[in-house]
Structure formats: C-alpha cells, structure tokens
C-alpha cells in the first residue's frame, strides 16, 4: 500500500451503506442497503478480471477506496459511487494511527 494521500486527494463523495437482511413472507431473506454516512474518498482502480459464471461473462474491478478513519467500516458494507456499487472486502488502517482507512473494494460489471 502506498503512503496516505493528502486530504485534497479525497475528492469523490461516496455513500457508505450497510446491508440489512429481513425475512419476507416465504422465509427467504431480502437484502436492503441502508445509508450510514456520506464520506469523501479517493477511489483508485487497482486491476480488473473477467469471469464466466452460469454461462455469462462477468467483469470485476478491484479498487482501493481511501477515506478518513472510521471505526465502523467492515465487510460486507459497500460504497455507493454514483450508480456504481463498490463492495468492501477488507478495511485496513495502513499506519495504525487512525488517520486514514484503506478499503479494498470489488465492483461487478455485467
């Protein structure tokens, strides 16, 4: 991981969302995303990959999203970035000083 970015580099406004699973009438779980906070982030694409699942091609893009440190960011939360959803896979405090949080995120594109 690289050095912590300057605060000015965090220029993308994203919405941090958490999943809420509720049972429906048949007992199946329905996932709804609830907004937790709007935060500033630096979104950096890391790499992409193409996969074939159920006979269809799916593209996944890995991103690093750097935000100011928050104690409540964990997987399986996500960032809503415009019409895009970046699913948090891991969140790391790179220098253990509680200044920034680097989130490894995955975006799926049909």
C-alpha atoms as a PDB file:
ATOM      1  CA  UNK A   1       0.000   0.000   0.000  1.00  0.00           C
ATOM      2  CA  UNK A   2       1.149   3.486  -0.743  1.00  0.00           C
ATOM      3  CA  UNK A   3       1.583   6.405   1.645  1.00  0.00           C
ATOM      4  CA  UNK A   4      -1.527   8.094   2.990  1.00  0.00           C
ATOM      5  CA  UNK A   5      -2.979  10.551   0.470  1.00  0.00           C
ATOM      6  CA  UNK A   6      -3.414  14.228   1.198  1.00  0.00           C
ATOM      7  CA  UNK A   7      -6.931  15.157   2.226  1.00  0.00           C
ATOM      8  CA  UNK A   8      -7.288  17.118  -1.025  1.00  0.00           C
ATOM      9  CA  UNK A   9      -6.929  13.842  -2.958  1.00  0.00           C
ATOM     10  CA  UNK A  10     -10.151  12.581  -1.345  1.00  0.00           C
ATOM     11  CA  UNK A  11     -12.437  14.364  -3.790  1.00  0.00           C
ATOM     12  CA  UNK A  12     -15.097  11.779  -4.565  1.00  0.00           C
ATOM     13  CA  UNK A  13     -18.256  11.943  -2.479  1.00  0.00           C
ATOM     14  CA  UNK A  14     -19.499   8.415  -1.735  1.00  0.00           C
ATOM     15  CA  UNK A  15     -22.246   6.967   0.441  1.00  0.00           C
ATOM     16  CA  UNK A  16     -21.278   4.269   2.906  1.00  0.00           C
ATOM     17  CA  UNK A  17     -24.051   1.657   3.106  1.00  0.00           C
ATOM     18  CA  UNK A  18     -24.626  -1.384   5.278  1.00  0.00           C
ATOM     19  CA  UNK A  19     -26.729  -4.438   4.436  1.00  0.00           C
ATOM     20  CA  UNK A  20     -29.922  -5.218   6.322  1.00  0.00           C
ATOM     21  CA  UNK A  21     -31.325  -8.709   5.744  1.00  0.00           C
ATOM     22  CA  UNK A  22     -35.003  -9.180   6.558  1.00  0.00           C
ATOM     23  CA  UNK A  23     -37.156 -12.280   6.033  1.00  0.00           C
ATOM     24  CA  UNK A  24     -40.036 -12.000   3.567  1.00  0.00           C
ATOM     25  CA  UNK A  25     -43.402 -13.833   3.666  1.00  0.00           C
ATOM     26  CA  UNK A  26     -41.854 -17.071   2.384  1.00  0.00           C
ATOM     27  CA  UNK A  27     -38.964 -17.026   4.863  1.00  0.00           C
ATOM     28  CA  UNK A  28     -36.327 -16.054   2.307  1.00  0.00           C
ATOM     29  CA  UNK A  29     -34.003 -13.200   3.202  1.00  0.00           C
ATOM     30  CA  UNK A  30     -34.263  -9.924   1.329  1.00  0.00           C
ATOM     31  CA  UNK A  31     -31.222  -7.635   1.407  1.00  0.00           C
ATOM     32  CA  UNK A  32     -31.783  -3.887   1.610  1.00  0.00           C
ATOM     33  CA  UNK A  33     -28.935  -1.355   1.736  1.00  0.00           C
ATOM     34  CA  UNK A  34     -29.180   1.409   4.346  1.00  0.00           C
ATOM     35  CA  UNK A  35     -27.113   4.585   4.156  1.00  0.00           C
ATOM     36  CA  UNK A  36     -24.721   5.059   7.079  1.00  0.00           C
ATOM     37  CA  UNK A  37     -22.851   8.235   6.088  1.00  0.00           C
ATOM     38  CA  UNK A  38     -21.663  10.340   3.177  1.00  0.00           C
ATOM     39  CA  UNK A  39     -17.854  10.489   3.151  1.00  0.00           C
ATOM     40  CA  UNK A  40     -15.083  11.860   0.958  1.00  0.00           C
ATOM     41  CA  UNK A  41     -12.891   9.228  -0.682  1.00  0.00           C
ATOM     42  CA  UNK A  42     -10.037   8.716  -3.071  1.00  0.00           C
ATOM     43  CA  UNK A  43     -11.073   5.916  -5.444  1.00  0.00           C
ATOM     44  CA  UNK A  44      -8.202   4.209  -7.272  1.00  0.00           C
ATOM     45  CA  UNK A  45      -8.741   1.274  -9.663  1.00  0.00           C
ATOM     46  CA  UNK A  46      -6.225  -1.499  -8.998  1.00  0.00           C
ATOM     47  CA  UNK A  47      -6.998  -4.236 -11.526  1.00  0.00           C
ATOM     48  CA  UNK A  48      -9.774  -5.934 -13.424  1.00  0.00           C
ATOM     49  CA  UNK A  49     -10.696  -9.512 -14.250  1.00  0.00           C
ATOM     50  CA  UNK A  50     -13.211 -11.303 -16.431  1.00  0.00           C
ATOM     51  CA  UNK A  51     -15.016 -14.388 -15.177  1.00  0.00           C
ATOM     52  CA  UNK A  52     -17.605 -16.732 -16.617  1.00  0.00           C
ATOM     53  CA  UNK A  53     -20.421 -17.627 -14.237  1.00  0.00           C
ATOM     54  CA  UNK A  54     -23.530 -19.572 -15.240  1.00  0.00           C
ATOM     55  CA  UNK A  55     -22.574 -19.223 -18.900  1.00  0.00           C
ATOM     56  CA  UNK A  56     -22.386 -15.426 -18.758  1.00  0.00           C
ATOM     57  CA  UNK A  57     -19.372 -13.157 -18.792  1.00  0.00           C
ATOM     58  CA  UNK A  58     -18.891 -11.019 -15.680  1.00  0.00           C
ATOM     59  CA  UNK A  59     -16.234  -8.369 -15.161  1.00  0.00           C
ATOM     60  CA  UNK A  60     -14.967  -7.460 -11.713  1.00  0.00           C
ATOM     61  CA  UNK A  61     -12.840  -4.419 -10.981  1.00  0.00           C
ATOM     62  CA  UNK A  62     -10.816  -4.115  -7.792  1.00  0.00           C
ATOM     63  CA  UNK A  63     -10.499  -0.647  -6.277  1.00  0.00           C
ATOM     64  CA  UNK A  64      -8.800   0.937  -3.294  1.00  0.00           C
ATOM     65  CA  UNK A  65     -11.001   3.494  -1.570  1.00  0.00           C
ATOM     66  CA  UNK A  66      -9.186   5.678   0.948  1.00  0.00           C
ATOM     67  CA  UNK A  67     -11.321   7.572   3.470  1.00  0.00           C
ATOM     68  CA  UNK A  68     -10.785   9.254   6.806  1.00  0.00           C
ATOM     69  CA  UNK A  69     -10.572   6.658   9.551  1.00  0.00           C
ATOM     70  CA  UNK A  70     -13.875   5.351  10.928  1.00  0.00           C
ATOM     71  CA  UNK A  71     -14.230   2.515  13.436  1.00  0.00           C
ATOM     72  CA  UNK A  72     -17.465   1.162  11.931  1.00  0.00           C
ATOM     73  CA  UNK A  73     -16.327   0.245   8.395  1.00  0.00           C
ATOM     74  CA  UNK A  74     -16.289  -3.529   7.858  1.00  0.00           C
ATOM     75  CA  UNK A  75     -17.028  -6.076   5.157  1.00  0.00           C
ATOM     76  CA  UNK A  76     -19.756  -6.628   3.781  1.00  0.00           C
ATOM     77  CA  UNK A  77     -20.541  -2.904   3.670  1.00  0.00           C
ATOM     78  CA  UNK A  78     -20.308  -1.035   0.376  1.00  0.00           C
ATOM     79  CA  UNK A  79     -19.732   2.397  -1.083  1.00  0.00           C
ATOM     80  CA  UNK A  80     -22.331   3.834  -3.453  1.00  0.00           C
ATOM     81  CA  UNK A  81     -20.389   5.900  -6.003  1.00  0.00           C
ATOM     82  CA  UNK A  82     -22.952   7.431  -8.356  1.00  0.00           C
ATOM     83  CA  UNK A  83     -24.682   4.465  -9.985  1.00  0.00           C
ATOM     84  CA  UNK A  84     -21.796   2.159  -9.075  1.00  0.00           C
ATOM     85  CA  UNK A  85     -21.546  -0.116  -6.018  1.00  0.00           C
ATOM     86  CA  UNK A  86     -18.115  -0.878  -4.551  1.00  0.00           C
ATOM     87  CA  UNK A  87     -18.351  -3.851  -2.160  1.00  0.00           C
ATOM     88  CA  UNK A  88     -15.861  -3.665   0.706  1.00  0.00           C
ATOM     89  CA  UNK A  89     -13.796  -6.851   1.020  1.00  0.00           C
ATOM     90  CA  UNK A  90     -11.286  -5.581   3.618  1.00  0.00           C
ATOM     91  CA  UNK A  91     -10.584  -2.369   5.531  1.00  0.00           C
ATOM     92  CA  UNK A  92      -7.076  -1.591   6.783  1.00  0.00           C
ATOM     93  CA  UNK A  93      -5.544   1.215   8.840  1.00  0.00           C
ATOM     94  CA  UNK A  94      -2.257   1.460   6.881  1.00  0.00           C
ATOM     95  CA  UNK A  95      -0.110   3.126   9.555  1.00  0.00           C
ATOM     96  CA  UNK A  96      -2.096   2.188  12.708  1.00  0.00           C
ATOM     97  CA  UNK A  97      -2.532   5.885  13.562  1.00  0.00           C
ATOM     98  CA  UNK A  98      -6.303   6.099  12.913  1.00  0.00           C
ATOM     99  CA  UNK A  99      -5.911   8.811  10.282  1.00  0.00           C
ATOM    100  CA  UNK A 100      -6.991   7.013   7.129  1.00  0.00           C
ATOM    101  CA  UNK A 101      -8.692   3.763   6.231  1.00  0.00           C
ATOM    102  CA  UNK A 102      -7.868   1.921   3.011  1.00  0.00           C
ATOM    103  CA  UNK A 103     -10.714  -0.276   1.808  1.00  0.00           C
ATOM    104  CA  UNK A 104     -10.164  -2.997  -0.780  1.00  0.00           C
ATOM    105  CA  UNK A 105     -13.354  -2.977  -2.830  1.00  0.00           C
ATOM    106  CA  UNK A 106     -14.802  -5.018  -5.677  1.00  0.00           C
ATOM    107  CA  UNK A 107     -17.175  -3.758  -8.349  1.00  0.00           C
ATOM    108  CA  UNK A 108     -19.109  -6.127 -10.593  1.00  0.00           C
ATOM    109  CA  UNK A 109     -19.988  -5.097 -14.154  1.00  0.00           C
ATOM    110  CA  UNK A 110     -22.377  -7.167 -16.253  1.00  0.00           C
END
